[in-house]
Amino acid sequence: MKPVFVEARDLPDAWFQCIYKIFEEDRVHEYTIDRGSFEGHKRREFDLVLVHIAYPGTRPLIPDIPPELGIPSPTSMEYVEEYLQYLMTDAKQENETYTYGERLTNPKVCVDGIEHTLGVNPMQEVIEIYRQNKQGTNQAIMEIGMPQDILIDDPPCLRLIDTRLIDGRLNFVLYFRSWDLWAGFPSNLAAIQLMKEYMCQEIGVEDGSIVAMSKGLHLYEYTFDLALKRLRR
C-alpha cells in the first residue's frame, strides 16, 4: 500500500486536492466491486490517504462548482444540516439498522434479539473530560464501529472520531473504512465540523484542525466524468 498525504487549507481545498490526486497519483487502483455499494461497478480508490485540514471552520464549508461547468454540486448546506442531525441525535428510521448519532449519543447492544441501551453518551463524556481541564489524555475518543458490524450488509463507513485538545483548540482525528469522495467526503466533513464547533462551544475552547484517514477513499465509476469536468477549471 502506498500512502498519499494531503495538506489542505480548508474543507473545499481538501476535496479538490483529493479529486486531483485520485487521477494524477500512481497510488490509486481501479477495481470491480465484489461486495458493497454499486456491486459489479468500478471504483477508483486510494491505497491509503491521510488528509490534514488546517482551518476546517473556514466558510464556505462545501465545494463551489462554477455554473459554466454544467455539473451538479456534490452536496448542499441543506443536506449537511440534515446530516448533522444524523450525527447528533439518536433518531432512527424504521429501515435503518443504526445511525452515527445513535452510536455517538445513545449506543445500544443487541443480546438474544433484545436491544439494550448502554446508558452512556460518548459525545457528552468527551465534553465532560475536557470541561474538567483534563487535556493531557488519550482517552477522549468516540467509537462508532462495533464488532457485530461485520455481520450487516452496510456497515458504518465512519468508525472513529478521536480528539485532542492542544493549546486551547479542539482537534479531530477521523477514520473511515470506506469513503465516497465525490459526495460523501464534502458532506461528512462539513457536518462533522459543525459538530466539532458545537463541542468547542460546550467545552469553552477554540476550534482546531481535522485529520482524516481512510484506506477506502474512492470515486465510483458514474462520477468519473463529473470529477474530470471539475478539474478542467
Protein backbone atom coordinates (compact mmCIF):
# COMPACT_ATOMS: atom_id res chain seq x y z
CA MET A 1 0.00 0.00 0.00
CA LYS A 2 1.27 3.43 -0.96
CA PRO A 3 0.09 6.30 1.27
CA VAL A 4 -1.00 9.68 -0.08
CA PHE A 5 -0.69 12.79 2.10
CA VAL A 6 -2.79 15.91 1.53
CA GLU A 7 -2.13 19.22 3.28
CA ALA A 8 -5.20 21.41 2.87
CA ARG A 9 -6.17 24.91 3.90
CA ASP A 10 -9.93 24.29 4.33
CA LEU A 11 -12.62 21.72 3.51
CA PRO A 12 -13.22 22.70 -0.15
CA ASP A 13 -9.45 22.74 -0.74
CA ALA A 14 -9.14 19.25 0.74
CA TRP A 15 -11.90 17.95 -1.55
CA PHE A 16 -10.40 19.50 -4.68
CA GLN A 17 -6.89 18.25 -3.90
CA CYS A 18 -8.19 14.70 -3.38
CA ILE A 19 -10.15 14.84 -6.64
CA TYR A 20 -6.97 15.95 -8.41
CA LYS A 21 -4.74 13.36 -6.79
CA ILE A 22 -7.06 10.43 -7.40
CA PHE A 23 -6.48 10.94 -11.15
CA GLU A 24 -2.87 12.15 -11.09
CA GLU A 25 -1.27 9.94 -8.44
CA ASP A 26 0.01 6.44 -9.12
CA ARG A 27 -1.00 5.42 -5.58
CA VAL A 28 -4.54 4.53 -6.59
CA HIS A 29 -6.14 1.48 -8.15
CA GLU A 30 -9.29 0.72 -10.09
CA TYR A 31 -11.22 -2.45 -9.43
CA THR A 32 -14.63 -4.02 -9.81
CA ILE A 33 -16.65 -4.05 -6.59
CA ASP A 34 -17.34 -7.64 -5.49
CA ARG A 35 -19.21 -6.68 -2.33
CA GLY A 36 -20.68 -3.39 -1.15
CA SER A 37 -22.35 -0.37 -2.72
CA PHE A 38 -22.62 -0.46 -6.54
CA GLU A 39 -21.57 -4.11 -6.67
CA GLY A 40 -20.35 -5.04 -10.16
CA HIS A 41 -19.28 -1.48 -10.99
CA LYS A 42 -15.81 0.02 -10.93
CA ARG A 43 -14.34 2.40 -8.44
CA ARG A 44 -11.03 4.27 -8.33
CA GLU A 45 -9.54 4.26 -4.85
CA PHE A 46 -6.51 5.46 -2.91
CA ASP A 47 -4.50 2.70 -1.25
CA LEU A 48 -4.32 4.85 1.88
CA VAL A 49 -4.87 8.58 2.31
CA LEU A 50 -4.25 11.00 5.18
CA VAL A 51 -5.74 14.48 4.85
CA HIS A 52 -4.71 17.29 7.22
CA ILE A 53 -7.07 20.29 7.14
CA ALA A 54 -5.61 23.26 8.97
CA TYR A 55 -8.68 25.54 9.08
CA PRO A 56 -11.79 23.34 8.60
CA GLY A 57 -14.07 26.03 10.04
CA THR A 58 -13.37 28.48 7.19
CA ARG A 59 -16.55 29.25 5.27
CA PRO A 60 -17.86 28.07 2.91
CA LEU A 61 -17.72 24.51 4.26
CA ILE A 62 -18.66 22.85 0.97
CA PRO A 63 -17.15 22.97 -2.55
CA ASP A 64 -18.16 25.59 -5.09
CA ILE A 65 -19.00 24.37 -8.58
CA PRO A 66 -18.73 27.09 -11.27
CA PRO A 67 -22.10 27.27 -13.11
CA GLU A 68 -20.45 27.23 -16.52
CA LEU A 69 -19.25 23.67 -15.93
CA GLY A 70 -22.84 22.46 -16.10
CA ILE A 71 -22.43 19.77 -13.44
CA PRO A 72 -24.38 19.31 -10.21
CA SER A 73 -22.89 20.29 -6.88
CA PRO A 74 -21.78 17.26 -4.86
CA THR A 75 -23.71 18.49 -1.81
CA SER A 76 -25.57 21.43 -0.28
CA MET A 77 -25.72 23.08 3.11
CA GLU A 78 -29.35 21.94 3.39
CA TYR A 79 -28.18 18.34 3.11
CA VAL A 80 -25.30 19.00 5.52
CA GLU A 81 -27.76 20.32 8.11
CA GLU A 82 -29.87 17.17 7.71
CA TYR A 83 -26.78 15.02 8.03
CA LEU A 84 -25.80 16.91 11.19
CA GLN A 85 -29.00 15.62 12.83
CA TYR A 86 -27.97 12.11 11.76
CA LEU A 87 -24.73 12.70 13.69
CA MET A 88 -26.06 14.36 16.81
CA THR A 89 -29.37 12.67 17.63
CA ASP A 90 -30.37 9.04 18.15
CA ALA A 91 -33.42 9.31 15.89
CA LYS A 92 -33.62 6.29 13.59
CA GLN A 93 -35.89 5.47 10.67
CA GLU A 94 -37.66 2.11 10.54
CA ASN A 95 -35.44 0.88 7.71
CA GLU A 96 -32.17 1.90 9.43
CA THR A 97 -30.04 -0.64 11.27
CA TYR A 98 -28.07 2.09 13.04
CA THR A 99 -27.22 5.79 12.83
CA TYR A 100 -23.99 7.55 13.68
CA GLY A 101 -25.90 9.75 16.13
CA GLU A 102 -27.22 6.70 17.93
CA ARG A 103 -23.67 5.40 18.32
CA LEU A 104 -22.34 8.81 19.42
CA THR A 105 -25.08 9.78 21.90
CA ASN A 106 -27.07 6.70 22.92
CA PRO A 107 -25.36 3.45 21.90
CA LYS A 108 -27.19 0.13 22.16
CA VAL A 109 -26.26 -3.55 22.02
CA CYS A 110 -28.43 -6.47 20.96
CA VAL A 111 -28.44 -9.52 23.27
CA ASP A 112 -30.54 -12.55 22.34
CA GLY A 113 -32.50 -10.41 19.92
CA ILE A 114 -33.30 -7.77 22.53
CA GLU A 115 -31.88 -4.25 22.21
CA HIS A 116 -30.32 -2.77 25.37
CA THR A 117 -29.23 0.82 25.91
CA LEU A 118 -25.71 1.09 27.33
CA GLY A 119 -26.55 4.18 29.37
CA VAL A 120 -23.64 6.29 28.16
CA ASN A 121 -23.39 9.33 25.90
CA PRO A 122 -19.89 9.22 24.35
CA MET A 123 -20.08 12.75 22.94
CA GLN A 124 -21.14 14.21 26.29
CA GLU A 125 -18.47 12.19 28.10
CA VAL A 126 -15.75 13.68 25.89
CA ILE A 127 -17.11 17.15 26.56
CA GLU A 128 -17.06 16.49 30.30
CA ILE A 129 -13.47 15.18 30.23
CA TYR A 130 -12.28 18.42 28.70
CA ARG A 131 -14.52 20.60 30.88
CA GLN A 132 -12.61 19.16 33.84
CA ASN A 133 -9.40 20.59 32.33
CA LYS A 134 -8.04 17.10 31.71
CA GLN A 135 -6.30 17.95 28.44
CA GLY A 136 -3.40 15.53 28.83
CA THR A 137 -5.30 12.38 27.86
CA ASN A 138 -5.55 9.86 25.03
CA GLN A 139 -8.91 8.57 26.24
CA ALA A 140 -11.30 11.16 24.74
CA ILE A 141 -12.36 9.07 21.74
CA MET A 142 -15.80 8.38 20.28
CA GLU A 143 -16.15 4.95 18.68
CA ILE A 144 -18.81 4.27 16.09
CA GLY A 145 -17.81 0.82 14.91
CA MET A 146 -18.94 -2.27 16.85
CA PRO A 147 -17.76 -5.89 16.48
CA GLN A 148 -21.16 -7.05 15.22
CA ASP A 149 -20.97 -4.62 12.28
CA ILE A 150 -19.12 -7.27 10.28
CA LEU A 151 -22.43 -9.15 10.05
CA ILE A 152 -24.55 -6.39 8.48
CA ASP A 153 -24.85 -5.64 4.77
CA ASP A 154 -23.97 -1.95 5.04
CA PRO A 155 -21.62 -1.44 8.00
CA PRO A 156 -20.65 2.07 9.13
CA CYS A 157 -18.11 3.90 6.96
CA LEU A 158 -17.07 6.31 9.72
CA ARG A 159 -15.55 4.23 12.53
CA LEU A 160 -13.72 6.60 14.88
CA ILE A 161 -13.77 10.22 15.93
CA ASP A 162 -10.72 10.72 18.10
CA THR A 163 -9.99 14.06 19.75
CA ARG A 164 -7.06 16.06 21.02
CA LEU A 165 -7.16 19.36 22.92
CA ILE A 166 -3.92 21.28 22.36
CA ASP A 167 -3.26 24.94 23.21
CA GLY A 168 -6.94 25.55 23.82
CA ARG A 169 -8.04 24.15 20.44
CA LEU A 170 -10.12 21.05 19.83
CA ASN A 171 -8.79 18.84 17.02
CA PHE A 172 -10.49 15.81 15.45
CA VAL A 173 -8.84 12.68 14.05
CA LEU A 174 -11.20 10.59 11.89
CA TYR A 175 -11.03 7.13 10.37
CA PHE A 176 -13.29 5.99 7.53
CA ARG A 177 -13.15 2.35 6.42
CA SER A 178 -14.77 3.38 3.09
CA TRP A 179 -15.48 6.89 1.82
CA ASP A 180 -17.18 8.26 -1.28
CA LEU A 181 -15.00 11.17 -2.41
CA TRP A 182 -17.46 12.92 -4.71
CA ALA A 183 -20.44 13.50 -2.40
CA GLY A 184 -19.70 11.75 0.91
CA PHE A 185 -16.38 13.47 1.67
CA PRO A 186 -17.68 17.09 1.50
CA SER A 187 -21.00 16.29 3.21
CA ASN A 188 -19.47 14.24 6.02
CA LEU A 189 -16.66 16.67 6.80
CA ALA A 190 -18.90 19.74 6.77
CA ALA A 191 -21.33 18.11 9.23
CA ILE A 192 -18.53 16.77 11.42
CA GLN A 193 -17.01 20.26 11.51
CA LEU A 194 -20.34 21.70 12.69
CA MET A 195 -20.45 19.00 15.36
CA LYS A 196 -16.92 19.94 16.42
CA GLU A 197 -17.92 23.61 16.66
CA TYR A 198 -20.82 22.63 18.94
CA MET A 199 -18.43 20.68 21.17
CA CYS A 200 -15.99 23.61 21.25
CA GLN A 201 -18.79 25.87 22.45
CA GLU A 202 -19.84 23.39 25.14
CA ILE A 203 -16.26 22.93 26.37
CA GLY A 204 -15.31 26.61 26.06
CA VAL A 205 -12.35 26.20 23.70
CA GLU A 206 -11.33 27.30 20.20
CA ASP A 207 -11.77 25.33 17.00
CA GLY A 208 -8.83 23.28 15.74
CA SER A 209 -7.84 21.10 12.80
CA ILE A 210 -9.19 17.90 11.29
CA VAL A 211 -7.06 14.94 10.28
CA ALA A 212 -8.94 12.32 8.26
CA MET A 213 -7.60 8.91 7.28
CA SER A 214 -9.03 6.19 5.05
CA LYS A 215 -7.91 3.10 3.20
CA GLY A 216 -11.08 3.36 1.12
CA LEU A 217 -11.43 6.93 -0.22
CA HIS A 218 -12.81 6.42 -3.72
CA LEU A 219 -14.75 7.65 -6.72
CA TYR A 220 -17.49 5.48 -8.17
CA GLU A 221 -17.40 4.98 -11.92
CA TYR A 222 -20.52 7.09 -12.50
CA THR A 223 -18.75 10.16 -11.06
CA PHE A 224 -15.50 9.87 -13.07
CA ASP A 225 -16.69 12.29 -15.77
CA LEU A 226 -18.11 14.75 -13.22
CA ALA A 227 -14.84 14.85 -11.33
CA LEU A 228 -12.78 15.30 -14.50
CA LYS A 229 -15.01 18.20 -15.61
CA ARG A 230 -14.45 19.89 -12.22
CA LEU A 231 -10.69 19.62 -12.76
CA ARG A 232 -10.86 21.46 -16.08
CA ARG A 233 -11.29 24.79 -14.31
